[in-house]
Amino acid sequence: MIKILHFADAHIDIANHGRQDPQSGFSLRVMDFLKAFDTIVDTAIECKVDVVIFAGDAYRDRAPVPTIQREWERRIARLSRAGILTLLLVGNHDLSPAIGRAHTLQEFDTLEIPHVIVLDKPRLLRPVDLEGLPLQVMALPWMSRSRMMASLEMDGTRRNEIYEKMGGLLNELVNQWLERDIDPSLPVILTAHASVEGAMYGAERSVMLGGDLVLPPALVKDPRLDYVALGHIHKSQDLNPDARPPVIYPGSIERVDFSEVADEKYFVIATIDEQKRERADVEWVKLEGRKFIDKYVRITSPEQVMEQLLLALPSPDELAGSIVRLTVEYPREMDSLMDEVVLRQYTSQAFEFHLVRRPQMEARLRLPDNAQISSLTPIQLLDHYWHAAGIEDGLEDLDKLAGEIMSGGLQENQ
C-alpha cells in the first residue's frame, strides 16, 4: 500500500480580516492558516504517509515577507526530519512572471533539503527519483504565459492561441509519458496546478474554455493513472467520482473570503494498492477552520427596521468567533433608521462584523409638461435621460455616437 497526503492552496499569509496576536505579532487570520497547516503536517507524521504532495500556491502572492517564509519552512522541515518524502509543486502564486526570477519555493531546491523535491517544470519522476518508492509521478506546475510566449517566440496579442498551444504541448507530453516512458506495473500519479474544464470554482461557477490554460477532462481521467492530485481551484471536489482515477481538488486549507462561505475545507489521504491497482481509496479529512456567516436582508417598510436586521442574524452564540457580513438593501430615506451601534453590540462576540449598506434610490425619467414619448425622437429621449442621470459633459459627442449607432442599425435592417 502506498499512502499519499495531498493538499493545495495554502495561501498562509492571507490576512484580509481581523487583528494581530500581541504575542506572536501575526495576524490572527494568518494564525488560522498556520493552524490548518499544522494539522496537515501532524497528520502526515502520525499516519506515517509515504509521500506528501503539495499541489501549489504556498502564499498569497509571489513576494512573501521573510517571517511568513520562515513559518512555511519550519513546517516543511518537520516533514523532512520525519523522513517523509515531500513534493512541492509550484503554483501561479509562487511563480514570478519575470524570466530568471526565483520562485517562492526555490530555497528548498537551492539548499537541497533532504526528502523535499521542488517541481518547477514539467517532469516525470520514477522510483529512483522518489527515494525508491514504487511509484511514478508526472508533475505539471503552473505554466507562466509570459515564459511560454518567450519560449514559443509569440507576441501577446493572441492570448487564446497561446493557451491553446500550451494545452496542446502539455497534452502531448503527458501522452508521451504514458505511452513510452512509464512502467505500467507501477502506480502513476499526475499532479498539476491548473484548471480542468468542468470543475467548479465555487458558487456554481464552472471552469470554461478561453482566457486561461484549461486542461481537458480526458487528460486527467485517463484510466492508466492511479490518482490525480490537483491544485489551483479552492472548492473541494472529485471530478471523476466512482471511477478510476480519482481526480481531486482538495481545495484551499482555509476560507479565503466570502466567496468560500459555504465551502467545507479538506485535505486528502489517498491509498493505492500497488498489487490490485483498483481505484485508489480517498479519505477526505475535514479542517475545522474559521467560520464565515453571510446574511442578506431587504428592507421595504420603515416599521421595525432594527428588529428585521437582528432577526436576519443568527444568535450571538452562533456568531461567536465567526467572520460575519450583513448586507442590507433598503430605500435611501430609511438610512437613519439603522443603528449600527446596536448591530455591533449584538455581534460583539464575532471575530469580525461587516455591515454592507446598499441604499436604493428610485430614478424616474420625467418628461416636460404636455410632452408624450411618441412625439419625441430617440435622440431627444436620450437627452432627457442624460440630464436625469446627471450627465452634463460631452453631450454632443454622446448624441453624435448614439446617432451613428442608430443610423447604422437602420441601414442593417433595410
Protein backbone atom coordinates (compact mmCIF):
# COMPACT_ATOMS: atom_id res chain seq x y z
CA MET A 1 0.00 0.00 0.00
CA ILE A 2 1.19 3.49 -0.86
CA LYS A 3 -0.27 6.23 1.31
CA ILE A 4 -0.34 9.79 -0.05
CA LEU A 5 -1.31 13.02 1.69
CA HIS A 6 -2.46 15.62 -0.81
CA PHE A 7 -3.15 19.29 -0.08
CA ALA A 8 -3.03 22.55 -2.03
CA ASP A 9 -3.65 26.30 -2.00
CA ALA A 10 -2.28 27.03 1.47
CA HIS A 11 -2.01 30.83 1.00
CA ILE A 12 -0.69 31.09 4.56
CA ASP A 13 -0.14 34.86 4.53
CA ILE A 14 -3.70 35.94 3.73
CA ALA A 15 -4.70 38.45 6.42
CA ASN A 16 -7.70 40.29 4.99
CA HIS A 17 -9.72 40.08 8.23
CA GLY A 18 -9.15 40.50 11.95
CA ARG A 19 -6.44 41.89 14.17
CA GLN A 20 -2.95 40.95 15.32
CA ASP A 21 -1.99 38.49 18.02
CA PRO A 22 0.01 40.52 20.60
CA GLN A 23 2.35 37.62 21.45
CA SER A 24 3.37 36.39 18.00
CA GLY A 25 2.76 39.62 16.08
CA PHE A 26 0.94 37.63 13.40
CA SER A 27 -2.49 38.48 12.12
CA LEU A 28 -5.00 36.16 13.79
CA ARG A 29 -6.14 35.14 10.31
CA VAL A 30 -2.58 34.13 9.39
CA MET A 31 -2.60 32.02 12.55
CA ASP A 32 -5.79 30.33 11.29
CA PHE A 33 -3.97 29.27 8.13
CA LEU A 34 -0.91 28.13 10.08
CA LYS A 35 -3.12 26.09 12.42
CA ALA A 36 -4.62 24.28 9.42
CA PHE A 37 -1.10 23.71 8.03
CA ASP A 38 -0.01 22.27 11.41
CA THR A 39 -2.95 19.85 11.33
CA ILE A 40 -1.85 18.64 7.89
CA VAL A 41 1.77 18.15 8.96
CA ASP A 42 0.76 16.44 12.23
CA THR A 43 -1.50 14.03 10.32
CA ALA A 44 1.20 13.19 7.79
CA ILE A 45 3.61 12.29 10.59
CA GLU A 46 1.07 10.43 12.76
CA CYS A 47 -0.31 8.41 9.83
CA LYS A 48 3.21 7.70 8.52
CA VAL A 49 2.29 8.55 4.94
CA ASP A 50 4.76 7.61 2.23
CA VAL A 51 4.62 10.90 0.37
CA VAL A 52 3.12 14.38 0.78
CA ILE A 53 2.06 16.15 -2.42
CA PHE A 54 1.54 19.89 -2.18
CA ALA A 55 -0.17 20.96 -5.42
CA GLY A 56 0.85 24.62 -5.41
CA ASP A 57 0.23 28.14 -4.04
CA ALA A 58 2.05 28.39 -0.72
CA TYR A 59 1.47 32.12 -0.29
CA ARG A 60 -0.90 34.93 -1.20
CA ASP A 61 1.49 36.36 -3.79
CA ARG A 62 4.96 35.98 -5.24
CA ALA A 63 6.69 38.17 -2.65
CA PRO A 64 6.00 36.77 0.85
CA VAL A 65 7.66 38.52 3.77
CA PRO A 66 10.62 36.62 5.32
CA THR A 67 8.75 35.95 8.59
CA ILE A 68 5.97 34.14 6.73
CA GLN A 69 8.51 32.23 4.66
CA ARG A 70 10.14 31.11 7.91
CA GLU A 71 6.80 29.65 9.10
CA TRP A 72 6.36 27.72 5.86
CA GLU A 73 9.93 26.42 6.04
CA ARG A 74 9.51 25.30 9.68
CA ARG A 75 6.59 23.07 8.77
CA ILE A 76 8.21 21.57 5.67
CA ALA A 77 11.33 20.97 7.79
CA ARG A 78 9.21 18.90 10.21
CA LEU A 79 8.23 16.62 7.34
CA SER A 80 11.86 16.43 6.25
CA ARG A 81 13.05 15.47 9.75
CA ALA A 82 10.34 12.79 9.89
CA GLY A 83 11.78 11.29 6.70
CA ILE A 84 8.59 11.88 4.70
CA LEU A 85 9.13 12.47 1.00
CA THR A 86 7.52 15.84 0.16
CA LEU A 87 6.79 17.08 -3.37
CA LEU A 88 6.28 20.85 -3.71
CA LEU A 89 4.59 21.84 -6.96
CA VAL A 90 4.98 25.48 -7.99
CA GLY A 91 1.65 27.32 -8.44
CA ASN A 92 0.74 30.61 -10.06
CA HIS A 93 1.02 32.49 -6.73
CA ASP A 94 4.51 31.04 -6.24
CA LEU A 95 5.93 31.99 -9.61
CA SER A 96 7.15 35.37 -10.81
CA PRO A 97 6.16 36.13 -14.42
CA ALA A 98 9.63 37.65 -14.97
CA ILE A 99 12.04 35.23 -16.60
CA GLY A 100 15.06 34.48 -14.42
CA ARG A 101 13.50 35.44 -11.07
CA ALA A 102 13.39 32.84 -8.31
CA HIS A 103 10.04 31.43 -7.24
CA THR A 104 8.92 31.31 -3.61
CA LEU A 105 9.85 27.64 -3.11
CA GLN A 106 13.32 27.99 -4.63
CA GLU A 107 15.26 27.71 -1.35
CA PHE A 108 14.26 24.07 -0.83
CA ASP A 109 15.86 23.24 -4.16
CA THR A 110 18.87 25.51 -3.69
CA LEU A 111 19.70 24.17 -0.20
CA GLU A 112 18.92 20.56 -1.17
CA ILE A 113 16.69 19.92 1.86
CA PRO A 114 16.51 16.15 2.50
CA HIS A 115 13.34 14.36 1.33
CA VAL A 116 11.99 17.54 -0.36
CA ILE A 117 11.60 17.81 -4.14
CA VAL A 118 10.60 21.10 -5.78
CA LEU A 119 8.72 20.71 -9.06
CA ASP A 120 9.02 23.95 -11.05
CA LYS A 121 8.93 22.50 -14.55
CA PRO A 122 7.14 19.54 -16.17
CA ARG A 123 8.83 16.39 -15.02
CA LEU A 124 8.38 12.62 -14.78
CA LEU A 125 9.70 11.18 -11.50
CA ARG A 126 10.50 7.47 -11.28
CA PRO A 127 11.27 5.34 -8.20
CA VAL A 128 14.95 6.33 -8.41
CA ASP A 129 13.87 9.98 -8.04
CA LEU A 130 11.42 9.13 -5.25
CA GLU A 131 13.87 7.50 -2.84
CA GLY A 132 12.95 4.02 -4.07
CA LEU A 133 9.19 4.41 -3.54
CA PRO A 134 7.42 2.08 -6.03
CA LEU A 135 5.64 4.98 -7.69
CA GLN A 136 5.79 7.28 -10.70
CA VAL A 137 4.74 10.95 -10.60
CA MET A 138 4.04 13.18 -13.58
CA ALA A 139 4.25 16.82 -12.50
CA LEU A 140 2.75 19.83 -14.29
CA PRO A 141 3.48 23.05 -12.37
CA TRP A 142 1.82 26.33 -13.29
CA MET A 143 2.80 27.39 -16.78
CA SER A 144 3.50 31.13 -16.96
CA ARG A 145 2.05 32.70 -20.09
CA SER A 146 4.96 35.16 -20.41
CA ARG A 147 7.56 32.40 -20.13
CA MET A 148 5.70 30.26 -22.63
CA MET A 149 5.40 33.22 -25.01
CA ALA A 150 9.16 33.73 -24.82
CA SER A 151 9.93 30.07 -25.45
CA LEU A 152 7.46 29.87 -28.36
CA GLU A 153 8.51 33.30 -29.70
CA MET A 154 4.90 34.50 -29.70
CA ASP A 155 3.61 38.03 -29.12
CA GLY A 156 0.99 38.98 -26.53
CA THR A 157 -1.83 39.74 -28.94
CA ARG A 158 -3.01 36.13 -29.29
CA ARG A 159 -3.77 35.07 -25.72
CA ASN A 160 -6.24 32.27 -26.56
CA GLU A 161 -3.85 30.93 -29.17
CA ILE A 162 -1.07 30.85 -26.57
CA TYR A 163 -3.20 28.95 -24.06
CA GLU A 164 -4.35 26.56 -26.78
CA LYS A 165 -0.77 25.85 -27.78
CA MET A 166 0.32 25.42 -24.15
CA GLY A 167 -2.53 22.96 -23.56
CA GLY A 168 -1.62 21.02 -26.69
CA LEU A 169 2.03 20.74 -25.65
CA LEU A 170 1.13 19.53 -22.16
CA ASN A 171 -1.33 17.01 -23.60
CA GLU A 172 1.35 15.66 -25.93
CA LEU A 173 3.87 15.48 -23.10
CA VAL A 174 1.58 13.52 -20.75
CA ASN A 175 0.55 11.13 -23.54
CA GLN A 176 4.22 10.58 -24.37
CA TRP A 177 4.98 9.75 -20.75
CA LEU A 178 2.05 7.35 -20.55
CA GLU A 179 2.74 5.61 -23.87
CA ARG A 180 6.53 5.44 -23.88
CA ASP A 181 8.13 6.28 -20.55
CA ILE A 182 6.17 4.87 -17.60
CA ASP A 183 6.44 1.37 -16.17
CA PRO A 184 2.86 0.01 -16.42
CA SER A 185 3.50 -2.31 -13.48
CA LEU A 186 3.89 0.63 -11.07
CA PRO A 187 1.25 3.14 -9.92
CA VAL A 188 1.20 6.51 -11.69
CA ILE A 189 0.17 9.85 -10.18
CA LEU A 190 -0.44 13.05 -12.14
CA THR A 191 -0.13 16.27 -10.15
CA ALA A 192 -0.95 19.62 -11.73
CA HIS A 193 -1.60 23.21 -10.73
CA ALA A 194 -4.19 24.14 -13.33
CA SER A 195 -7.87 24.44 -14.13
CA VAL A 196 -9.72 21.47 -15.58
CA GLU A 197 -12.67 22.00 -17.87
CA GLY A 198 -15.92 21.36 -15.99
CA ALA A 199 -14.51 21.89 -12.49
CA MET A 200 -16.50 24.14 -10.15
CA TYR A 201 -14.82 27.30 -8.88
CA GLY A 202 -17.49 27.73 -6.22
CA ALA A 203 -20.87 29.49 -6.12
CA GLU A 204 -21.81 27.17 -9.03
CA ARG A 205 -19.31 28.77 -11.43
CA SER A 206 -17.81 26.26 -13.82
CA VAL A 207 -14.40 26.40 -15.50
CA MET A 208 -14.92 27.27 -19.15
CA LEU A 209 -12.54 27.32 -22.08
CA GLY A 210 -10.88 30.61 -23.00
CA GLY A 211 -8.96 33.22 -21.02
CA ASP A 212 -6.86 30.71 -19.09
CA LEU A 213 -4.95 27.47 -19.51
CA VAL A 214 -7.58 24.75 -19.05
CA LEU A 215 -6.76 21.04 -19.15
CA PRO A 216 -9.24 18.78 -20.98
CA PRO A 217 -11.12 16.22 -18.83
CA ALA A 218 -9.81 13.33 -20.96
CA LEU A 219 -6.24 14.16 -19.94
CA VAL A 220 -6.84 13.86 -16.19
CA LYS A 221 -9.37 10.99 -16.39
CA ASP A 222 -7.07 8.63 -18.29
CA PRO A 223 -7.59 5.17 -16.68
CA ARG A 224 -3.85 4.49 -16.86
CA LEU A 225 -3.50 6.95 -13.99
CA ASP A 226 -3.98 5.84 -10.38
CA TYR A 227 -4.52 9.24 -8.76
CA VAL A 228 -4.66 12.88 -9.91
CA ALA A 229 -3.57 15.49 -7.35
CA LEU A 230 -4.73 18.94 -8.42
CA GLY A 231 -4.36 22.46 -7.08
CA HIS A 232 -5.48 25.98 -8.11
CA ILE A 233 -9.26 25.77 -7.55
CA HIS A 234 -10.32 26.40 -3.94
CA LYS A 235 -13.51 24.32 -3.96
CA SER A 236 -13.03 20.70 -2.83
CA GLN A 237 -14.23 18.22 -5.47
CA ASP A 238 -13.66 14.90 -7.20
CA LEU A 239 -14.05 15.34 -10.96
CA ASN A 240 -14.22 11.58 -11.59
CA PRO A 241 -16.36 10.11 -8.78
CA ASP A 242 -16.62 6.31 -8.55
CA ALA A 243 -14.26 5.87 -11.49
CA ARG A 244 -10.53 5.44 -11.95
CA PRO A 245 -8.59 7.58 -11.34
CA PRO A 246 -9.85 9.88 -8.57
CA VAL A 247 -9.35 13.44 -9.89
CA ILE A 248 -9.11 15.54 -6.74
CA TYR A 249 -9.05 19.21 -5.93
CA PRO A 250 -8.70 19.22 -2.12
CA GLY A 251 -9.43 22.98 -2.10
CA SER A 252 -7.80 25.73 -0.05
CA ILE A 253 -6.91 24.88 3.55
CA GLU A 254 -8.89 27.83 4.98
CA ARG A 255 -11.71 30.03 3.73
CA VAL A 256 -10.07 32.92 1.91
CA ASP A 257 -13.07 35.25 1.63
CA PHE A 258 -16.87 35.31 1.47
CA SER A 259 -16.89 33.58 -1.92
CA GLU A 260 -15.99 30.41 0.02
CA VAL A 261 -18.56 30.92 2.78
CA ALA A 262 -20.37 27.63 2.09
CA ASP A 263 -17.29 25.53 1.31
CA GLU A 264 -16.01 22.97 3.79
CA LYS A 265 -12.22 22.68 3.85
CA TYR A 266 -10.26 19.44 3.49
CA PHE A 267 -7.03 17.72 2.72
CA VAL A 268 -6.92 14.19 1.32
CA ILE A 269 -5.26 10.92 2.25
CA ALA A 270 -5.24 8.56 -0.74
CA THR A 271 -4.20 4.92 -0.55
CA ILE A 272 -3.09 2.98 -3.62
CA ASP A 273 -2.84 -0.81 -3.59
CA GLU A 274 0.08 -1.34 -5.95
CA GLN A 275 -0.80 -5.03 -6.30
CA LYS A 276 -4.53 -4.86 -7.17
CA ARG A 277 -4.35 -1.43 -8.90
CA GLU A 278 -8.03 -0.74 -8.29
CA ARG A 279 -9.43 2.75 -7.78
CA ALA A 280 -7.41 4.47 -5.06
CA ASP A 281 -9.16 4.84 -1.72
CA VAL A 282 -9.79 8.52 -0.96
CA GLU A 283 -10.29 9.83 2.58
CA TRP A 284 -11.41 13.45 2.90
CA VAL A 285 -10.05 14.87 6.16
CA LYS A 286 -12.00 17.93 7.25
CA LEU A 287 -10.23 21.03 8.52
CA GLU A 288 -12.11 22.95 11.22
CA GLY A 289 -11.38 26.46 10.02
CA ARG A 290 -12.75 29.88 10.82
CA LYS A 291 -16.50 30.09 10.14
CA PHE A 292 -17.88 32.70 7.73
CA ILE A 293 -21.52 33.85 8.02
CA ASP A 294 -23.07 35.84 5.17
CA LYS A 295 -26.61 37.23 5.54
CA TYR A 296 -28.76 39.43 3.33
CA VAL A 297 -31.92 41.34 4.19
CA ARG A 298 -34.11 43.65 2.09
CA ILE A 299 -35.97 46.34 3.97
CA THR A 300 -39.13 47.65 2.31
CA SER A 301 -41.01 49.12 5.26
CA PRO A 302 -39.94 51.67 7.89
CA GLU A 303 -41.68 49.59 10.55
CA GLN A 304 -39.40 47.73 12.99
CA VAL A 305 -36.27 48.11 10.87
CA MET A 306 -33.84 47.09 13.63
CA GLU A 307 -35.97 44.09 14.54
CA GLN A 308 -35.76 42.92 10.92
CA LEU A 309 -31.99 43.31 10.90
CA LEU A 310 -31.46 41.44 14.15
CA LEU A 311 -33.76 38.62 13.05
CA ALA A 312 -31.63 38.18 9.92
CA LEU A 313 -28.61 37.34 12.09
CA PRO A 314 -28.02 34.05 13.95
CA SER A 315 -27.89 34.02 17.74
CA PRO A 316 -24.86 35.59 19.48
CA ASP A 317 -23.62 32.09 20.39
CA GLU A 318 -23.60 31.08 16.71
CA LEU A 319 -21.81 34.30 15.79
CA ALA A 320 -19.00 33.78 18.31
CA GLY A 321 -15.61 33.58 16.62
CA SER A 322 -17.07 33.94 13.13
CA ILE A 323 -16.43 36.44 10.35
CA VAL A 324 -19.85 37.96 9.70
CA ARG A 325 -21.25 40.03 6.86
CA LEU A 326 -24.74 41.53 6.82
CA THR A 327 -25.80 43.09 3.54
CA VAL A 328 -28.82 45.39 3.74
CA GLU A 329 -30.76 46.70 0.76
CA TYR A 330 -33.18 49.49 1.62
CA PRO A 331 -34.73 52.75 0.36
CA ARG A 332 -32.27 55.57 0.89
CA GLU A 333 -34.69 57.56 3.02
CA MET A 334 -34.59 54.80 5.68
CA ASP A 335 -30.86 55.17 6.26
CA SER A 336 -31.32 56.92 9.62
CA LEU A 337 -33.48 54.05 10.92
CA MET A 338 -30.48 51.67 11.07
CA ASP A 339 -28.49 51.77 14.31
CA GLU A 340 -25.06 50.33 13.58
CA VAL A 341 -24.04 50.60 17.26
CA VAL A 342 -26.82 48.18 18.23
CA LEU A 343 -25.75 45.76 15.49
CA ARG A 344 -22.13 45.83 16.62
CA GLN A 345 -23.14 45.22 20.22
CA TYR A 346 -25.23 42.23 19.12
CA THR A 347 -22.30 40.79 17.11
CA SER A 348 -19.64 41.67 19.69
CA GLN A 349 -18.61 38.01 20.08
CA ALA A 350 -17.94 37.66 16.36
CA PHE A 351 -14.35 37.64 15.15
CA GLU A 352 -15.25 40.45 12.77
CA PHE A 353 -18.50 42.07 11.66
CA HIS A 354 -19.12 43.84 8.32
CA LEU A 355 -22.24 45.88 7.64
CA VAL A 356 -22.73 46.47 3.93
CA ARG A 357 -25.30 49.18 3.19
CA ARG A 358 -26.95 49.23 -0.21
CA PRO A 359 -29.32 52.21 -0.30
CA GLN A 360 -31.67 52.21 -3.27
CA MET A 361 -32.92 55.36 -4.92
CA GLU A 362 -35.88 55.27 -7.28
CA ALA A 363 -35.00 57.01 -10.51
CA ARG A 364 -37.74 58.18 -12.82
CA LEU A 365 -37.37 59.96 -16.10
CA ARG A 366 -39.70 62.95 -16.05
CA LEU A 367 -40.67 64.45 -19.41
CA PRO A 368 -41.57 68.11 -19.92
CA ASP A 369 -45.20 69.08 -19.34
CA ASN A 370 -47.56 68.08 -22.16
CA ALA A 371 -44.77 66.01 -23.83
CA GLN A 372 -45.53 62.46 -24.96
CA ILE A 373 -42.97 59.75 -25.70
CA SER A 374 -44.43 59.21 -29.15
CA SER A 375 -43.74 62.86 -30.03
CA LEU A 376 -40.01 62.68 -29.18
CA THR A 377 -37.19 61.33 -31.34
CA PRO A 378 -34.79 58.74 -29.87
CA ILE A 379 -32.07 61.40 -29.59
CA GLN A 380 -34.43 63.72 -27.70
CA LEU A 381 -35.31 60.90 -25.30
CA LEU A 382 -31.59 60.25 -24.77
CA ASP A 383 -31.07 63.93 -23.95
CA HIS A 384 -33.72 63.70 -21.24
CA TYR A 385 -32.02 60.57 -19.90
CA TRP A 386 -28.57 62.22 -19.80
CA HIS A 387 -29.93 65.14 -17.77
CA ALA A 388 -31.92 62.87 -15.41
CA ALA A 389 -28.77 60.84 -14.76
CA GLY A 390 -26.76 63.97 -14.01
CA ILE A 391 -24.57 63.68 -17.11
CA GLU A 392 -23.72 67.16 -18.34
CA ASP A 393 -20.29 66.88 -20.00
CA GLY A 394 -19.70 65.67 -23.53
CA LEU A 395 -23.36 65.51 -24.52
CA GLU A 396 -22.64 66.50 -28.11
CA ASP A 397 -20.22 63.62 -28.54
CA LEU A 398 -22.63 61.19 -26.86
CA ASP A 399 -25.50 62.27 -29.10
CA LYS A 400 -23.29 62.02 -32.19
CA LEU A 401 -22.18 58.50 -31.27
CA ALA A 402 -25.76 57.47 -30.50
CA GLY A 403 -26.88 58.86 -33.86
CA GLU A 404 -24.19 56.86 -35.69
CA ILE A 405 -25.20 53.67 -33.89
CA MET A 406 -28.89 54.21 -34.59
CA SER A 407 -28.36 55.04 -38.27
CA GLY A 408 -26.10 52.00 -38.64
CA GLY A 409 -28.78 49.78 -37.15
CA LEU A 410 -31.40 51.20 -39.50
CA GLN A 411 -29.20 50.55 -42.52
CA GLU A 412 -28.62 46.94 -41.47
CA ASN A 413 -32.38 46.36 -41.14
CA GLN A 414 -33.20 47.80 -44.56
